[in-house]
Amino acid sequence: MTAAGLPLAEFQEWMQAVIVHPGGVDAGLRSRAARRRLPPSRLGAVVRAYGALCPVERLGIYASMYPLRTVEALRSDYPALATLLGERRFGALVREYVAAHPSTSFTLARLGDRLPSFAATWGPERGRGLRADVARLERAAAAVFDAADVALLDAPALAAALASEGESLRLVTAPAFAILAVRPGAVAVLDAVLEDASAPTSAERGLVHVALYRRDFTVLRRTLDPVPGRLLAALVSGLPLAEALSRAARRRPGARIVSGWLAEWSALGAFARAGVAPDPSAAR
């Protein structure tokens, strides 16, 4: 309990509302979120003057460091995007993003969750797609890294399910796996950052499917050819094998090729379990 009678959790929420407010400390003190916990007139009860600094000035020190901390935090989450944009433009992106989506958590770990969608509309129209795809890949990699461990569907169990259920097979994606359709240039940007090379600025035409999966404490990625990429994306979306095959290609690959792809993806940890697609007539 603080001197003002605030429980510690409420004091922390009050301080966050004050120091992260985009209008500064004075506006933060007057904000509804802050006033709900402590009226501005009682500021001196929780933050005292120190030397030549008044309570507002002391809070201002924390508030002035917050923008720098958000840039550092988001740079660590989106290093390839930061490299693509450069220091000045990335800083501008972060400032505008945080103003639109201020932190609402005690941790900055979730601050960048909406950055990919924000990057898709931010800045000059030219290059937006590339920026957004780079951010999407980095956000997906972070999600795969943080995902829970679950029992995975191994190759023998998958083969047995495929043999018994055929094209009614429906697969459930493992938490630590993702597949995205992105511009080839986005993959090139990530490769350049890993190799400490200059990041390309061209998005290139078309889309490629990129699978992200985890091995121990490392997130790996693999770029897939068009047909298997579309098939895996359709399966991950929840479609049964028959419909996924129809969407992936005009001419169906042979059963042996498909089973080989499924076994390969199973080895990457793509699937948690298998089932049968529900019968639409059963609901009638």
Protein backbone atom coordinates (compact mmCIF):
# COMPACT_ATOMS: atom_id res chain seq x y z
CA MET A 1 0.00 0.00 0.00
CA THR A 2 1.37 3.43 -0.97
CA ALA A 3 1.27 6.55 1.18
CA ALA A 4 -1.81 7.65 -0.77
CA GLY A 5 -3.63 4.44 0.14
CA LEU A 6 -3.24 2.89 -3.32
CA PRO A 7 -2.53 -0.84 -3.60
CA LEU A 8 0.72 -1.46 -5.45
CA ALA A 9 -1.04 -2.80 -8.57
CA GLU A 10 -3.21 0.31 -8.83
CA PHE A 11 -0.21 2.57 -8.30
CA GLN A 12 1.61 0.82 -11.15
CA GLU A 13 -1.44 1.21 -13.40
CA TRP A 14 -1.65 4.91 -12.48
CA MET A 15 2.03 5.48 -13.20
CA GLN A 16 1.76 3.70 -16.55
CA ALA A 17 -1.23 5.82 -17.54
CA VAL A 18 0.77 8.96 -16.72
CA ILE A 19 4.17 8.25 -18.25
CA VAL A 20 3.03 6.59 -21.49
CA HIS A 21 0.39 9.18 -22.34
CA PRO A 22 1.15 10.60 -25.81
CA GLY A 23 0.29 14.11 -24.61
CA GLY A 24 2.94 14.14 -21.90
CA VAL A 25 2.87 13.97 -18.11
CA ASP A 26 0.42 16.85 -17.57
CA ALA A 27 -2.08 15.29 -19.96
CA GLY A 28 -1.44 11.87 -18.45
CA LEU A 29 -2.21 13.14 -14.94
CA ARG A 30 -5.52 14.52 -16.19
CA SER A 31 -6.41 11.42 -18.22
CA ARG A 32 -9.41 9.36 -17.20
CA ALA A 33 -7.28 6.28 -16.60
CA ALA A 34 -5.06 8.15 -14.14
CA ARG A 35 -7.79 10.19 -12.43
CA ARG A 36 -9.78 7.03 -11.78
CA ARG A 37 -7.02 5.95 -9.41
CA LEU A 38 -5.58 9.24 -8.15
CA PRO A 39 -6.74 12.85 -8.57
CA PRO A 40 -3.97 15.20 -9.80
CA SER A 41 -4.30 17.19 -6.56
CA ARG A 42 -2.93 14.20 -4.62
CA LEU A 43 0.17 13.74 -6.77
CA GLY A 44 2.47 14.77 -3.92
CA ALA A 45 1.24 11.84 -1.84
CA VAL A 46 2.79 9.28 -4.19
CA VAL A 47 5.62 11.20 -5.89
CA ARG A 48 7.56 13.68 -3.74
CA ALA A 49 9.78 16.54 -4.77
CA TYR A 50 13.49 15.72 -4.76
CA GLY A 51 16.08 18.45 -4.74
CA ALA A 52 15.18 20.96 -7.42
CA LEU A 53 12.78 18.56 -9.12
CA CYS A 54 9.04 18.76 -8.49
CA PRO A 55 6.85 15.62 -8.75
CA VAL A 56 5.81 16.40 -12.33
CA GLU A 57 9.45 16.86 -13.39
CA ARG A 58 10.43 13.58 -11.76
CA LEU A 59 7.68 11.77 -13.67
CA GLY A 60 8.85 13.58 -16.79
CA ILE A 61 12.20 11.79 -16.59
CA TYR A 62 10.45 8.44 -16.93
CA ALA A 63 8.14 9.79 -19.60
CA SER A 64 11.05 11.12 -21.68
CA MET A 65 12.76 7.72 -21.60
CA TYR A 66 9.64 5.82 -22.67
CA PRO A 67 9.83 6.67 -26.41
CA LEU A 68 13.47 5.58 -26.52
CA ARG A 69 12.60 2.35 -24.75
CA THR A 70 9.79 1.58 -27.19
CA VAL A 71 12.15 2.04 -30.15
CA GLU A 72 14.66 -0.32 -28.54
CA ALA A 73 11.98 -2.89 -27.73
CA LEU A 74 10.45 -2.89 -31.21
CA ARG A 75 13.87 -2.90 -32.88
CA SER A 76 14.65 -6.12 -31.01
CA ASP A 77 11.33 -7.61 -32.19
CA TYR A 78 11.61 -6.33 -35.78
CA PRO A 79 15.33 -6.13 -36.65
CA ALA A 80 14.79 -6.76 -40.37
CA LEU A 81 12.11 -4.09 -40.62
CA ALA A 82 14.41 -1.67 -38.77
CA THR A 83 17.22 -2.46 -41.20
CA LEU A 84 14.94 -2.03 -44.21
CA LEU A 85 13.69 1.37 -43.04
CA GLY A 86 16.87 2.74 -41.51
CA GLU A 87 17.24 4.36 -38.09
CA ARG A 88 15.38 7.60 -38.79
CA ARG A 89 12.36 6.13 -40.59
CA PHE A 90 12.04 3.23 -38.14
CA GLY A 91 12.02 5.71 -35.27
CA ALA A 92 9.28 7.68 -37.02
CA LEU A 93 7.27 4.49 -37.58
CA VAL A 94 7.54 3.54 -33.90
CA ARG A 95 6.53 6.98 -32.67
CA GLU A 96 3.41 7.04 -34.84
CA TYR A 97 2.56 3.43 -34.04
CA VAL A 98 2.88 3.89 -30.27
CA ALA A 99 0.77 7.05 -30.46
CA ALA A 100 -1.94 5.04 -32.21
CA HIS A 101 -1.50 1.88 -30.11
CA PRO A 102 -0.04 2.80 -26.71
CA SER A 103 1.07 0.04 -24.40
CA THR A 104 -1.67 -1.32 -22.14
CA SER A 105 0.45 -3.96 -20.43
CA PHE A 106 3.11 -4.06 -17.74
CA THR A 107 5.46 -5.52 -20.36
CA LEU A 108 6.56 -4.27 -23.77
CA ALA A 109 6.61 -7.84 -25.08
CA ARG A 110 3.13 -7.39 -26.60
CA LEU A 111 3.63 -3.81 -27.77
CA GLY A 112 4.44 -4.77 -31.36
CA ASP A 113 1.57 -7.21 -31.92
CA ARG A 114 -0.25 -4.85 -34.31
CA LEU A 115 2.81 -3.39 -36.00
CA PRO A 116 2.50 -5.49 -39.21
CA SER A 117 -1.01 -4.19 -39.94
CA PHE A 118 0.06 -0.65 -39.04
CA ALA A 119 3.08 -0.87 -41.37
CA ALA A 120 0.73 -1.87 -44.20
CA THR A 121 -0.81 1.62 -44.16
CA TRP A 122 2.12 3.70 -42.90
CA GLY A 123 4.39 5.92 -44.95
CA PRO A 124 4.60 6.27 -48.74
CA GLU A 125 2.40 3.85 -50.64
CA ARG A 126 5.40 2.56 -52.56
CA GLY A 127 7.01 -0.17 -50.48
CA ARG A 128 4.14 -0.65 -48.02
CA GLY A 129 3.58 -4.24 -49.05
CA LEU A 130 7.22 -5.14 -48.58
CA ARG A 131 7.39 -3.44 -45.19
CA ALA A 132 4.24 -5.18 -44.02
CA ASP A 133 5.42 -8.61 -45.21
CA VAL A 134 8.78 -8.25 -43.46
CA ALA A 135 6.95 -7.32 -40.27
CA ARG A 136 4.50 -10.22 -40.69
CA LEU A 137 7.36 -12.70 -41.00
CA GLU A 138 9.09 -11.33 -37.92
CA ARG A 139 5.88 -11.29 -35.89
CA ALA A 140 5.10 -14.88 -36.90
CA ALA A 141 8.62 -15.97 -35.97
CA ALA A 142 8.18 -14.44 -32.50
CA ALA A 143 4.83 -16.21 -32.08
CA VAL A 144 6.36 -19.55 -33.11
CA PHE A 145 9.23 -19.03 -30.68
CA ASP A 146 6.86 -18.30 -27.78
CA ALA A 147 4.32 -21.03 -28.62
CA ALA A 148 3.57 -23.82 -26.18
CA ASP A 149 5.00 -27.30 -26.63
CA VAL A 150 2.44 -29.94 -27.54
CA ALA A 151 2.57 -33.55 -28.64
CA LEU A 152 3.18 -33.63 -32.38
CA LEU A 153 1.72 -35.91 -35.03
CA ASP A 154 4.60 -38.09 -36.15
CA ALA A 155 5.01 -39.64 -39.59
CA PRO A 156 3.67 -43.13 -38.72
CA ALA A 157 0.55 -41.70 -37.06
CA LEU A 158 0.01 -39.37 -40.01
CA ALA A 159 0.41 -42.23 -42.50
CA ALA A 160 -2.11 -44.31 -40.55
CA ALA A 161 -4.61 -41.44 -40.47
CA LEU A 162 -4.18 -40.83 -44.19
CA ALA A 163 -4.67 -44.51 -44.97
CA SER A 164 -7.87 -44.76 -42.92
CA GLU A 165 -9.42 -41.38 -43.67
CA GLY A 166 -8.16 -40.59 -47.15
CA GLU A 167 -9.12 -37.19 -48.50
CA SER A 168 -11.45 -36.56 -45.56
CA LEU A 169 -8.34 -36.05 -43.48
CA ARG A 170 -8.26 -32.78 -41.57
CA LEU A 171 -5.08 -31.68 -39.79
CA VAL A 172 -4.69 -29.47 -36.73
CA THR A 173 -1.68 -27.16 -36.83
CA ALA A 174 0.84 -27.27 -34.00
CA PRO A 175 1.20 -23.98 -32.07
CA ALA A 176 4.90 -23.69 -32.93
CA PHE A 177 4.28 -23.68 -36.68
CA ALA A 178 3.10 -21.05 -39.14
CA ILE A 179 2.89 -20.54 -42.88
CA LEU A 180 2.59 -17.15 -44.58
CA ALA A 181 2.21 -16.00 -48.16
CA VAL A 182 4.57 -13.04 -48.66
CA ARG A 183 6.41 -11.15 -51.38
CA PRO A 184 9.74 -12.77 -52.29
CA GLY A 185 11.51 -9.52 -51.42
CA ALA A 186 10.51 -9.93 -47.77
CA VAL A 187 12.39 -13.23 -47.58
CA ALA A 188 15.38 -11.57 -49.23
CA VAL A 189 15.35 -8.83 -46.58
CA LEU A 190 15.46 -11.37 -43.76
CA ASP A 191 18.25 -13.26 -45.50
CA ALA A 192 20.24 -10.05 -45.94
CA VAL A 193 19.93 -9.18 -42.25
CA LEU A 194 21.09 -12.66 -41.23
CA GLU A 195 24.06 -12.39 -43.59
CA ASP A 196 24.81 -8.79 -42.54
CA ALA A 197 24.34 -7.64 -46.12
CA SER A 198 22.48 -4.71 -47.64
CA ALA A 199 18.72 -5.19 -47.50
CA PRO A 200 17.01 -5.15 -50.92
CA THR A 201 14.22 -2.63 -51.37
CA SER A 202 12.36 -4.38 -54.20
CA ALA A 203 9.31 -6.45 -53.24
CA GLU A 204 9.40 -8.53 -56.45
CA ARG A 205 6.21 -9.81 -58.02
CA GLY A 206 4.07 -12.67 -56.88
CA LEU A 207 3.91 -14.45 -53.56
CA VAL A 208 5.82 -17.30 -51.97
CA HIS A 209 4.77 -19.44 -49.03
CA VAL A 210 7.15 -19.49 -46.08
CA ALA A 211 6.88 -22.09 -43.32
CA LEU A 212 8.18 -21.19 -39.86
CA TYR A 213 8.90 -23.88 -37.29
CA ARG A 214 10.91 -24.34 -34.11
CA ARG A 215 13.85 -26.57 -33.35
CA ASP A 216 14.92 -26.46 -29.70
CA PHE A 217 15.19 -22.71 -29.10
CA THR A 218 15.63 -21.64 -32.72
CA VAL A 219 12.98 -20.59 -35.23
CA LEU A 220 13.73 -21.84 -38.73
CA ARG A 221 12.00 -21.09 -41.99
CA ARG A 222 11.58 -22.80 -45.34
CA THR A 223 10.32 -21.35 -48.61
CA LEU A 224 8.02 -23.79 -50.40
CA ASP A 225 7.34 -24.34 -54.08
CA PRO A 226 3.98 -22.98 -55.28
CA VAL A 227 1.79 -26.10 -55.24
CA PRO A 228 2.98 -27.58 -51.93
CA GLY A 229 2.93 -24.08 -50.45
CA ARG A 230 -0.70 -23.54 -51.39
CA LEU A 231 -1.61 -27.04 -50.21
CA LEU A 232 0.01 -26.62 -46.81
CA ALA A 233 -1.55 -23.17 -46.36
CA ALA A 234 -4.97 -24.63 -47.14
CA LEU A 235 -4.47 -27.48 -44.68
CA VAL A 236 -3.31 -25.07 -41.97
CA SER A 237 -6.44 -22.99 -42.55
CA GLY A 238 -8.48 -26.04 -41.53
CA LEU A 239 -9.62 -27.40 -44.88
CA PRO A 240 -9.88 -31.17 -45.37
CA LEU A 241 -7.35 -32.70 -47.72
CA ALA A 242 -9.76 -33.02 -50.65
CA GLU A 243 -10.67 -29.33 -50.69
CA ALA A 244 -7.09 -28.29 -49.97
CA LEU A 245 -5.91 -30.25 -53.01
CA SER A 246 -8.55 -28.62 -55.20
CA ARG A 247 -7.38 -25.18 -54.14
CA ALA A 248 -3.69 -25.94 -54.48
CA ALA A 249 -3.55 -27.00 -58.11
CA ARG A 250 -5.68 -27.52 -61.21
CA ARG A 251 -4.06 -30.89 -61.76
CA ARG A 252 -3.84 -32.95 -58.60
CA PRO A 253 -0.41 -34.26 -57.62
CA GLY A 254 -0.12 -38.01 -57.29
CA ALA A 255 -1.00 -39.66 -53.99
CA ARG A 256 2.62 -40.67 -53.42
CA ILE A 257 3.80 -37.08 -53.88
CA VAL A 258 1.16 -35.75 -51.50
CA SER A 259 1.95 -38.33 -48.83
CA GLY A 260 5.63 -37.42 -49.20
CA TRP A 261 4.86 -33.73 -48.65
CA LEU A 262 2.73 -34.55 -45.61
CA ALA A 263 5.50 -36.67 -44.12
CA GLU A 264 8.01 -33.87 -44.73
CA TRP A 265 5.79 -31.29 -43.04
CA SER A 266 5.13 -33.65 -40.17
CA ALA A 267 8.88 -33.92 -39.66
CA LEU A 268 9.00 -30.11 -39.37
CA GLY A 269 6.46 -30.27 -36.55
CA ALA A 270 3.57 -28.84 -38.52
CA PHE A 271 0.72 -30.92 -37.11
CA ALA A 272 -0.57 -31.64 -33.63
CA ARG A 273 -3.24 -34.18 -34.55
CA ALA A 274 -5.41 -35.51 -37.35
CA GLY A 275 -9.13 -36.04 -37.70
CA VAL A 276 -11.94 -36.53 -40.19
CA ALA A 277 -13.69 -33.59 -41.80
CA PRO A 278 -17.24 -33.34 -40.43
CA ASP A 279 -20.03 -34.67 -42.63
CA PRO A 280 -22.22 -31.68 -43.69
CA SER A 281 -25.30 -33.95 -43.83
CA ALA A 282 -24.87 -34.82 -40.15
CA ALA A 283 -26.17 -31.40 -39.10
CA ARG A 284 -29.47 -31.84 -41.00
